[in-house]
Amino acid sequence: MTHWWRLEAGDALVAEDLCEAVRQACLDAGQGATGAYRYSRLGDGLHCRVTIYFPPAAAEVAKRFSAVPCNPPPRVGLEPLTDDPGAGG
């Protein structure tokens, strides 16, 4: 069974460094635009909570960050953490 992976990154301010580390690890592993996704939602208090989702193809990167298996994330609100190196810009 293939599944997605989830990593709770904390509030949006704290999550930035982790998001950058995940982004770089995905690019280093050749994952490109499909390596990881960021999902932000309102948490307790004033700050957003960030969850990083990895698709099945990025399982090895997910495991390096101790992500846990999960169901596919909601599609609405997902933002790619990596840029597609093949996309024109």
N, C-alpha and C. Protein backbone atom coordinates (compact mmCIF):
# COMPACT_ATOMS: atom_id res chain seq x y z
N MET A 1 0.84 -1.19 0.00
CA MET A 1 0.00 0.00 0.00
C MET A 1 0.89 1.25 0.00
N THR A 2 0.60 2.16 -0.89
CA THR A 2 1.33 3.42 -0.89
C THR A 2 0.52 4.44 -0.13
N HIS A 3 1.21 5.22 0.64
CA HIS A 3 0.54 6.24 1.43
C HIS A 3 1.38 7.50 1.45
N TRP A 4 0.75 8.55 1.86
CA TRP A 4 1.44 9.82 2.05
C TRP A 4 2.12 9.81 3.41
N TRP A 5 2.91 10.83 3.65
CA TRP A 5 3.63 11.00 4.92
C TRP A 5 3.34 12.39 5.44
N ARG A 6 3.26 12.52 6.77
CA ARG A 6 2.92 13.81 7.40
C ARG A 6 3.98 14.17 8.44
N LEU A 7 4.34 15.44 8.45
CA LEU A 7 5.27 15.97 9.43
C LEU A 7 4.69 17.25 10.00
N GLU A 8 4.39 17.25 11.29
CA GLU A 8 3.88 18.45 11.95
C GLU A 8 5.06 19.39 12.16
N ALA A 9 4.98 20.59 11.58
CA ALA A 9 6.11 21.52 11.60
C ALA A 9 5.96 22.62 12.64
N GLY A 10 4.83 22.72 13.31
CA GLY A 10 4.65 23.75 14.32
C GLY A 10 4.01 25.00 13.76
N ASP A 11 4.15 26.10 14.51
CA ASP A 11 3.54 27.33 14.03
C ASP A 11 4.34 27.89 12.86
N ALA A 12 3.71 28.78 12.12
CA ALA A 12 4.27 29.25 10.86
C ALA A 12 5.65 29.89 11.03
N LEU A 13 5.88 30.60 12.12
CA LEU A 13 7.18 31.25 12.32
C LEU A 13 8.29 30.22 12.56
N VAL A 14 8.01 29.25 13.38
CA VAL A 14 9.00 28.22 13.70
C VAL A 14 9.20 27.28 12.52
N ALA A 15 8.16 27.06 11.73
CA ALA A 15 8.20 26.08 10.64
C ALA A 15 9.08 26.49 9.48
N GLU A 16 9.40 27.75 9.35
CA GLU A 16 10.15 28.21 8.18
C GLU A 16 11.49 27.48 8.00
N ASP A 17 12.25 27.32 9.06
CA ASP A 17 13.54 26.63 8.94
C ASP A 17 13.36 25.17 8.54
N LEU A 18 12.37 24.52 9.12
CA LEU A 18 12.11 23.12 8.77
C LEU A 18 11.63 23.01 7.33
N CYS A 19 10.77 23.91 6.90
CA CYS A 19 10.30 23.90 5.51
C CYS A 19 11.46 24.06 4.55
N GLU A 20 12.38 24.94 4.88
CA GLU A 20 13.55 25.14 4.02
C GLU A 20 14.43 23.89 3.98
N ALA A 21 14.62 23.23 5.11
CA ALA A 21 15.42 22.00 5.15
C ALA A 21 14.76 20.90 4.33
N VAL A 22 13.45 20.78 4.43
CA VAL A 22 12.72 19.78 3.64
C VAL A 22 12.81 20.11 2.16
N ARG A 23 12.63 21.39 1.83
CA ARG A 23 12.72 21.81 0.42
C ARG A 23 14.07 21.43 -0.17
N GLN A 24 15.14 21.72 0.56
CA GLN A 24 16.47 21.42 0.06
C GLN A 24 16.70 19.91 -0.05
N ALA A 25 16.23 19.16 0.92
CA ALA A 25 16.38 17.69 0.87
C ALA A 25 15.63 17.11 -0.32
N CYS A 26 14.46 17.64 -0.61
CA CYS A 26 13.70 17.16 -1.77
C CYS A 26 14.42 17.47 -3.07
N LEU A 27 14.93 18.67 -3.18
CA LEU A 27 15.67 19.04 -4.39
C LEU A 27 16.93 18.20 -4.53
N ASP A 28 17.64 17.98 -3.43
CA ASP A 28 18.85 17.15 -3.48
C ASP A 28 18.53 15.71 -3.91
N ALA A 29 17.34 15.24 -3.55
CA ALA A 29 16.92 13.88 -3.90
C ALA A 29 16.27 13.80 -5.28
N GLY A 30 16.22 14.93 -5.98
CA GLY A 30 15.65 14.95 -7.33
C GLY A 30 14.13 14.90 -7.36
N GLN A 31 13.47 15.30 -6.29
CA GLN A 31 12.02 15.23 -6.22
C GLN A 31 11.32 16.38 -6.95
N GLY A 32 12.00 17.51 -7.15
CA GLY A 32 11.39 18.62 -7.87
C GLY A 32 10.09 19.09 -7.25
N ALA A 33 9.12 19.41 -8.11
CA ALA A 33 7.86 20.00 -7.64
C ALA A 33 6.98 19.00 -6.89
N THR A 34 7.30 17.73 -6.97
CA THR A 34 6.45 16.73 -6.32
C THR A 34 7.02 16.24 -5.00
N GLY A 35 8.01 16.90 -4.48
CA GLY A 35 8.69 16.41 -3.28
C GLY A 35 7.96 16.60 -1.98
N ALA A 36 7.37 17.75 -1.76
CA ALA A 36 6.70 18.00 -0.48
C ALA A 36 5.74 19.18 -0.64
N TYR A 37 4.76 19.20 0.23
CA TYR A 37 3.74 20.23 0.20
C TYR A 37 3.53 20.78 1.60
N ARG A 38 3.24 22.06 1.67
CA ARG A 38 2.97 22.74 2.93
C ARG A 38 1.46 22.98 3.03
N TYR A 39 0.92 22.73 4.21
CA TYR A 39 -0.50 22.98 4.46
C TYR A 39 -0.58 23.79 5.74
N SER A 40 -1.16 24.98 5.66
CA SER A 40 -1.29 25.86 6.82
C SER A 40 -2.75 25.92 7.24
N ARG A 41 -2.97 25.89 8.55
CA ARG A 41 -4.32 25.99 9.08
C ARG A 41 -4.27 26.78 10.38
N LEU A 42 -5.39 27.33 10.76
CA LEU A 42 -5.44 28.05 12.02
C LEU A 42 -5.27 27.06 13.17
N GLY A 43 -4.43 27.43 14.11
CA GLY A 43 -4.22 26.61 15.29
C GLY A 43 -4.81 27.29 16.50
N ASP A 44 -4.40 26.86 17.65
CA ASP A 44 -4.83 27.53 18.88
C ASP A 44 -4.11 28.87 18.96
N GLY A 45 -4.79 29.89 19.33
CA GLY A 45 -4.16 31.20 19.46
C GLY A 45 -4.12 31.93 18.14
N LEU A 46 -3.08 32.76 17.98
CA LEU A 46 -3.00 33.65 16.82
C LEU A 46 -2.24 33.07 15.64
N HIS A 47 -1.47 32.03 15.85
CA HIS A 47 -0.58 31.54 14.80
C HIS A 47 -1.18 30.38 14.01
N CYS A 48 -0.80 30.32 12.75
CA CYS A 48 -1.17 29.19 11.91
C CYS A 48 -0.29 28.00 12.28
N ARG A 49 -0.80 26.81 12.08
CA ARG A 49 -0.04 25.58 12.26
C ARG A 49 0.30 25.06 10.88
N VAL A 50 1.51 24.56 10.72
CA VAL A 50 1.98 24.09 9.43
C VAL A 50 2.21 22.59 9.49
N THR A 51 1.70 21.89 8.48
CA THR A 51 1.96 20.47 8.31
C THR A 51 2.63 20.30 6.96
N ILE A 52 3.66 19.48 6.91
CA ILE A 52 4.34 19.17 5.65
C ILE A 52 3.90 17.77 5.23
N TYR A 53 3.45 17.65 3.99
CA TYR A 53 3.02 16.37 3.44
C TYR A 53 3.98 15.94 2.34
N PHE A 54 4.32 14.66 2.35
CA PHE A 54 5.17 14.06 1.34
C PHE A 54 4.36 13.02 0.57
N PRO A 55 4.37 13.06 -0.76
CA PRO A 55 3.67 12.02 -1.52
C PRO A 55 4.45 10.70 -1.45
N PRO A 56 3.82 9.61 -1.88
CA PRO A 56 4.50 8.31 -1.81
C PRO A 56 5.88 8.29 -2.48
N ALA A 57 6.05 9.01 -3.58
CA ALA A 57 7.32 9.01 -4.29
C ALA A 57 8.46 9.62 -3.47
N ALA A 58 8.13 10.42 -2.47
CA ALA A 58 9.14 11.07 -1.64
C ALA A 58 9.29 10.39 -0.27
N ALA A 59 8.95 9.12 -0.20
CA ALA A 59 8.98 8.39 1.08
C ALA A 59 10.36 8.41 1.74
N GLU A 60 11.41 8.29 0.96
CA GLU A 60 12.75 8.26 1.56
C GLU A 60 13.09 9.60 2.22
N VAL A 61 12.72 10.69 1.60
CA VAL A 61 12.95 12.00 2.20
C VAL A 61 12.09 12.14 3.46
N ALA A 62 10.84 11.71 3.38
CA ALA A 62 9.93 11.80 4.52
C ALA A 62 10.49 11.05 5.73
N LYS A 63 11.04 9.88 5.48
CA LYS A 63 11.59 9.06 6.57
C LYS A 63 12.79 9.75 7.22
N ARG A 64 13.56 10.48 6.44
CA ARG A 64 14.71 11.21 7.02
C ARG A 64 14.28 12.25 8.03
N PHE A 65 13.06 12.76 7.88
CA PHE A 65 12.54 13.78 8.78
C PHE A 65 11.58 13.19 9.82
N SER A 66 11.54 11.87 9.90
CA SER A 66 10.67 11.16 10.85
C SER A 66 9.20 11.47 10.66
N ALA A 67 8.81 11.66 9.40
CA ALA A 67 7.39 11.84 9.09
C ALA A 67 6.66 10.52 9.32
N VAL A 68 5.36 10.61 9.55
CA VAL A 68 4.56 9.42 9.82
C VAL A 68 3.60 9.16 8.65
N PRO A 69 3.29 7.90 8.39
CA PRO A 69 2.35 7.58 7.31
C PRO A 69 0.97 8.19 7.61
N CYS A 70 0.28 8.57 6.54
CA CYS A 70 -1.04 9.17 6.70
C CYS A 70 -1.85 8.99 5.43
N ASN A 71 -3.10 9.35 5.50
CA ASN A 71 -3.96 9.39 4.31
C ASN A 71 -3.56 10.59 3.47
N PRO A 72 -3.97 10.61 2.20
CA PRO A 72 -3.68 11.79 1.37
C PRO A 72 -4.24 13.06 2.02
N PRO A 73 -3.52 14.17 1.88
CA PRO A 73 -3.97 15.43 2.49
C PRO A 73 -5.11 16.06 1.70
N PRO A 74 -5.76 17.06 2.29
CA PRO A 74 -6.76 17.81 1.52
C PRO A 74 -6.06 18.54 0.38
N ARG A 75 -6.67 18.58 -0.76
CA ARG A 75 -6.03 19.24 -1.92
C ARG A 75 -6.11 20.76 -1.82
N VAL A 76 -7.17 21.25 -1.24
CA VAL A 76 -7.34 22.69 -1.12
C VAL A 76 -6.40 23.20 -0.04
N GLY A 77 -5.59 24.18 -0.39
CA GLY A 77 -4.67 24.77 0.57
C GLY A 77 -3.26 24.20 0.54
N LEU A 78 -3.01 23.17 -0.26
CA LEU A 78 -1.65 22.63 -0.36
C LEU A 78 -0.79 23.55 -1.22
N GLU A 79 0.42 23.81 -0.75
CA GLU A 79 1.36 24.63 -1.50
C GLU A 79 2.65 23.83 -1.68
N PRO A 80 3.15 23.70 -2.90
CA PRO A 80 4.40 22.96 -3.09
C PRO A 80 5.55 23.67 -2.37
N LEU A 81 6.40 22.89 -1.71
CA LEU A 81 7.58 23.46 -1.05
C LEU A 81 8.74 23.60 -2.01
N THR A 82 8.70 22.86 -3.09
CA THR A 82 9.81 22.86 -4.03
C THR A 82 9.39 23.48 -5.35
N ASP A 83 10.35 24.01 -6.03
CA ASP A 83 10.10 24.56 -7.35
C ASP A 83 10.37 23.47 -8.38
N ASP A 84 9.66 23.51 -9.46
CA ASP A 84 9.89 22.56 -10.54
C ASP A 84 11.07 23.07 -11.37
N PRO A 85 12.23 22.38 -11.32
CA PRO A 85 13.39 22.86 -12.06
C PRO A 85 13.17 22.90 -13.56
N GLY A 86 12.19 22.16 -14.07
CA GLY A 86 11.93 22.15 -15.50
C GLY A 86 10.96 23.22 -15.95
N ALA A 87 10.38 23.94 -15.02
CA ALA A 87 9.40 24.97 -15.39
C ALA A 87 10.10 26.24 -15.83
N GLY A 88 9.59 26.82 -16.85
CA GLY A 88 10.13 28.11 -17.29
C GLY A 88 9.68 29.19 -16.35
N GLY A 89 10.49 30.26 -16.19
CA GLY A 89 10.07 31.22 -15.23
C GLY A 89 10.39 32.57 -15.60
